Amino acid sequence: MPDLDDSSSPRLAPRPRRRRRQSLAPRSEILGLNQLEQRVSWAAAVFAYALAAFTALLWARNQPTVTKASTLANGSCPKGFHFVSRSCEQITHVSQGSWEFRFFFIMIVAIAISYFTWRRKRAGVATFAIFLGLGNGVFFGPLYLLLGVWLIMRAFRLQKYGDASFKGANRAAREQAAARKSARGDGRRSSNRSASSATADVKTPAASKRYTPKKQNTRRR
């Protein structure tokens, strides 16, 4: 039976790990909030408290939502609508539990945004802003989604270009591209110089007295 443990067989060398790109900004600046970002985050937290107060008012009143629609060509109302005073209306009742869930959801997220804004934590503010944007629907949800994406993009620009602003990041990107192009050109020129010098240094080997035949004398006698 052949031995399965063949220690003499060559083993594949481990792949070299890719070197992580060095950040152009300190870690504290990337993960933290500057003055502008903190002000915007405070404004988002205050607006979230206002949304929670408005939701509490609707919860206390618990009024149904009335939706109006135009009549069809035959004079009837669409499905789910009722004809009321020459118009089609749909009355939607929202349960108390639904208003309660909305109020506590918005309030908890607003408190979380306030806390992370006070601690200058970019990741916390961005995460809860996106969370509130996804849970708040189409009314004010896109505003908080934009806030979270804006904070993430500024962190990416800080890490890659060292500048969080759009204008500064574009200028740094152009400078980096020009530097890489110049470095590639210098590398090609140096490789061409080394190749030409190596070719010039190659000498013809001297003739061996043992193996090289003697030249015949072609002069006529």
Protein backbone atom coordinates (compact mmCIF):
# COMPACT_ATOMS: atom_id res chain seq x y z
CA MET A 1 0.00 0.00 0.00
CA PRO A 2 1.55 3.34 -0.98
CA ASP A 3 2.37 5.82 1.67
CA LEU A 4 -0.08 8.72 1.50
CA ASP A 5 2.17 11.04 3.48
CA ASP A 6 4.61 12.16 0.82
CA SER A 7 6.81 14.67 2.56
CA SER A 8 9.10 14.94 -0.45
CA SER A 9 6.36 16.43 -2.70
CA PRO A 10 6.72 20.17 -3.21
CA ARG A 11 4.27 22.33 -1.32
CA LEU A 12 2.70 25.44 -2.69
CA ALA A 13 4.13 28.58 -1.19
CA PRO A 14 1.58 30.73 0.63
CA ARG A 15 0.34 33.72 -1.28
CA PRO A 16 1.81 36.98 -0.13
CA ARG A 17 -0.75 39.16 1.55
CA ARG A 18 -1.67 42.38 -0.13
CA ARG A 19 -0.27 45.35 1.57
CA ARG A 20 -2.97 47.56 2.98
CA ARG A 21 -3.06 51.07 1.61
CA GLN A 22 -1.83 53.54 4.14
CA SER A 23 -4.43 56.01 5.30
CA LEU A 24 -3.77 59.66 4.55
CA ALA A 25 -5.62 60.87 7.64
CA PRO A 26 -5.33 59.85 11.31
CA ARG A 27 -7.70 57.16 12.55
CA SER A 28 -9.28 59.48 15.10
CA GLU A 29 -10.22 61.92 12.35
CA ILE A 30 -11.70 59.20 10.14
CA LEU A 31 -13.82 57.64 12.89
CA GLY A 32 -14.70 60.94 14.54
CA LEU A 33 -16.82 63.94 13.55
CA ASN A 34 -15.54 67.37 12.72
CA GLN A 35 -17.40 70.56 13.58
CA LEU A 36 -19.52 70.63 10.42
CA GLU A 37 -20.52 66.98 10.68
CA GLN A 38 -21.38 67.35 14.35
CA ARG A 39 -23.64 70.32 13.64
CA VAL A 40 -25.47 68.43 10.90
CA SER A 41 -25.86 65.42 13.21
CA TRP A 42 -27.27 67.61 15.99
CA ALA A 43 -29.79 69.07 13.52
CA ALA A 44 -30.81 65.55 12.47
CA ALA A 45 -31.28 64.53 16.11
CA VAL A 46 -33.46 67.59 16.85
CA PHE A 47 -35.55 66.88 13.77
CA ALA A 48 -35.97 63.27 14.90
CA TYR A 49 -37.28 64.52 18.27
CA ALA A 50 -39.76 66.71 16.38
CA LEU A 51 -40.90 63.67 14.38
CA ALA A 52 -41.36 61.74 17.62
CA ALA A 53 -43.47 64.59 19.07
CA PHE A 54 -45.61 64.73 15.93
CA THR A 55 -46.09 60.97 16.09
CA ALA A 56 -47.14 61.26 19.74
CA LEU A 57 -49.73 63.89 18.74
CA LEU A 58 -51.17 61.60 16.08
CA TRP A 59 -51.13 58.76 18.58
CA ALA A 60 -53.17 60.82 21.05
CA ARG A 61 -55.67 62.02 18.46
CA ASN A 62 -55.84 58.68 16.60
CA GLN A 63 -57.71 60.19 13.67
CA PRO A 64 -58.27 58.03 10.60
CA THR A 65 -56.50 58.83 7.36
CA VAL A 66 -58.80 59.93 4.51
CA THR A 67 -57.59 59.33 0.94
CA LYS A 68 -59.49 60.80 -2.01
CA ALA A 69 -59.54 59.56 -5.59
CA SER A 70 -61.30 60.52 -8.80
CA THR A 71 -64.24 58.55 -10.14
CA LEU A 72 -63.89 56.09 -12.99
CA ALA A 73 -65.25 56.57 -16.52
CA ASN A 74 -68.51 54.79 -15.65
CA GLY A 75 -69.07 57.01 -12.60
CA SER A 76 -68.09 54.36 -10.03
CA CYS A 77 -65.25 54.46 -7.47
CA PRO A 78 -62.11 52.33 -7.54
CA LYS A 79 -61.92 49.23 -5.41
CA GLY A 80 -61.71 50.05 -1.71
CA PHE A 81 -63.12 53.59 -2.14
CA HIS A 82 -66.63 54.82 -1.33
CA PHE A 83 -68.62 57.57 -3.00
CA VAL A 84 -68.96 60.47 -0.55
CA SER A 85 -70.25 63.92 -1.64
CA ARG A 86 -69.31 63.64 -5.33
CA SER A 87 -65.86 62.16 -4.66
CA CYS A 88 -64.37 58.79 -3.84
CA GLU A 89 -62.87 58.46 -0.38
CA GLN A 90 -61.03 55.73 1.50
CA ILE A 91 -60.85 55.82 5.30
CA THR A 92 -57.88 54.05 6.89
CA HIS A 93 -57.78 53.48 10.64
CA VAL A 94 -54.39 53.12 12.28
CA SER A 95 -54.24 51.03 15.43
CA GLN A 96 -52.95 52.41 18.70
CA GLY A 97 -50.19 49.81 18.75
CA SER A 98 -48.88 51.06 15.40
CA TRP A 99 -48.63 54.67 16.68
CA GLU A 100 -46.97 53.43 19.86
CA PHE A 101 -44.34 51.46 17.93
CA ARG A 102 -43.58 54.41 15.67
CA PHE A 103 -43.19 56.80 18.59
CA PHE A 104 -40.80 54.61 20.59
CA PHE A 105 -38.83 53.64 17.49
CA ILE A 106 -38.18 57.26 16.47
CA MET A 107 -37.49 58.33 20.05
CA ILE A 108 -34.93 55.57 20.69
CA VAL A 109 -33.11 56.26 17.42
CA ALA A 110 -33.11 60.02 18.13
CA ILE A 111 -31.54 59.39 21.54
CA ALA A 112 -28.92 57.11 19.94
CA ILE A 113 -28.05 59.76 17.32
CA SER A 114 -27.75 62.39 20.06
CA TYR A 115 -25.46 60.17 22.13
CA PHE A 116 -23.09 59.31 19.28
CA THR A 117 -23.08 62.92 18.11
CA TRP A 118 -22.06 64.02 21.58
CA ARG A 119 -19.31 61.37 21.63
CA ARG A 120 -18.24 62.29 18.07
CA LYS A 121 -18.64 58.73 16.79
CA ARG A 122 -19.10 58.69 13.03
CA ALA A 123 -20.02 55.02 12.73
CA GLY A 124 -22.79 55.26 15.35
CA VAL A 125 -24.41 58.34 13.82
CA ALA A 126 -24.27 56.91 10.28
CA THR A 127 -25.67 53.52 11.35
CA PHE A 128 -28.66 54.89 13.26
CA ALA A 129 -29.35 57.54 10.62
CA ILE A 130 -29.62 54.82 7.96
CA PHE A 131 -31.70 52.72 10.37
CA LEU A 132 -34.14 55.60 10.90
CA GLY A 133 -34.22 56.33 7.17
CA LEU A 134 -35.17 52.74 6.34
CA GLY A 135 -37.82 52.57 9.07
CA ASN A 136 -39.41 55.98 8.56
CA GLY A 137 -40.76 55.42 5.06
CA VAL A 138 -40.81 57.81 2.13
CA PHE A 139 -41.72 60.97 4.04
CA PHE A 140 -38.50 61.86 5.87
CA GLY A 141 -36.60 58.59 5.47
CA PRO A 142 -34.49 59.68 2.46
CA LEU A 143 -33.09 62.61 4.48
CA TYR A 144 -31.61 60.28 7.08
CA LEU A 145 -30.40 57.87 4.41
CA LEU A 146 -28.54 60.76 2.78
CA LEU A 147 -27.05 61.72 6.14
CA GLY A 148 -25.67 58.22 6.71
CA VAL A 149 -24.27 57.92 3.18
CA TRP A 150 -22.78 61.43 3.43
CA LEU A 151 -20.89 60.55 6.62
CA ILE A 152 -19.60 57.29 5.14
CA MET A 153 -18.42 58.98 1.94
CA ARG A 154 -16.58 61.66 3.88
CA ALA A 155 -14.79 58.97 5.91
CA PHE A 156 -13.79 57.21 2.68
CA ARG A 157 -12.40 60.44 1.22
CA LEU A 158 -10.44 61.13 4.39
CA GLN A 159 -8.85 57.69 4.30
CA LYS A 160 -8.01 57.67 0.60
CA TYR A 161 -7.32 61.31 -0.20
CA GLY A 162 -6.82 62.99 3.18
CA ASP A 163 -9.61 65.51 2.51
CA ALA A 164 -13.30 65.00 3.29
CA SER A 165 -14.65 67.68 0.95
CA PHE A 166 -15.65 66.81 -2.61
CA LYS A 167 -13.47 69.52 -4.15
CA GLY A 168 -10.41 68.65 -2.06
CA ALA A 169 -10.78 64.91 -2.74
CA ASN A 170 -10.94 65.51 -6.51
CA ARG A 171 -7.82 67.68 -6.39
CA ALA A 172 -5.96 65.04 -4.35
CA ALA A 173 -7.09 62.29 -6.75
CA ARG A 174 -5.69 64.23 -9.73
CA GLU A 175 -2.40 64.79 -7.91
CA GLN A 176 -2.11 61.10 -7.01
CA ALA A 177 -2.83 60.08 -10.61
CA ALA A 178 -0.15 62.47 -11.89
CA ALA A 179 2.36 61.13 -9.34
CA ARG A 180 1.66 57.51 -10.36
CA LYS A 181 2.06 58.39 -14.03
CA SER A 182 5.36 60.13 -13.36
CA ALA A 183 6.59 57.17 -11.28
CA ARG A 184 5.75 54.72 -14.10
CA GLY A 185 7.61 56.90 -16.60
CA ASP A 186 10.69 57.08 -14.36
CA GLY A 187 10.62 53.31 -13.86
CA ARG A 188 10.51 52.65 -17.60
CA ARG A 189 13.39 55.03 -18.27
CA SER A 190 15.53 53.46 -15.54
CA SER A 191 14.82 49.95 -16.85
CA ASN A 192 15.77 51.01 -20.38
CA ARG A 193 19.03 52.52 -19.12
CA SER A 194 19.91 49.36 -17.17
CA ALA A 195 19.14 47.16 -20.19
CA SER A 196 21.32 49.27 -22.50
CA SER A 197 24.22 49.36 -20.03
CA ALA A 198 24.01 45.59 -19.57
CA THR A 199 24.16 45.12 -23.34
CA ALA A 200 27.17 47.41 -23.61
CA ASP A 201 29.01 45.57 -20.86
CA VAL A 202 28.73 42.20 -22.60
CA LYS A 203 32.17 41.37 -24.13
CA THR A 204 33.02 38.85 -26.77
CA PRO A 205 34.68 35.79 -25.20
CA ALA A 206 38.36 35.33 -25.93
CA ALA A 207 39.35 32.60 -28.32
CA SER A 208 40.52 29.36 -26.77
CA LYS A 209 43.93 28.14 -27.89
CA ARG A 210 42.91 24.53 -27.47
CA TYR A 211 39.64 24.42 -29.40
CA THR A 212 39.91 27.29 -31.83
CA PRO A 213 41.53 26.14 -35.15
CA LYS A 214 44.38 28.12 -36.59
CA LYS A 215 43.70 30.44 -39.44
CA GLN A 216 45.00 29.26 -42.77
CA ASN A 217 47.38 31.45 -44.62
CA THR A 218 45.64 32.43 -47.83
CA ARG A 219 48.59 34.34 -49.21
CA ARG A 220 49.82 32.92 -52.48
CA ARG A 221 53.32 31.69 -52.63
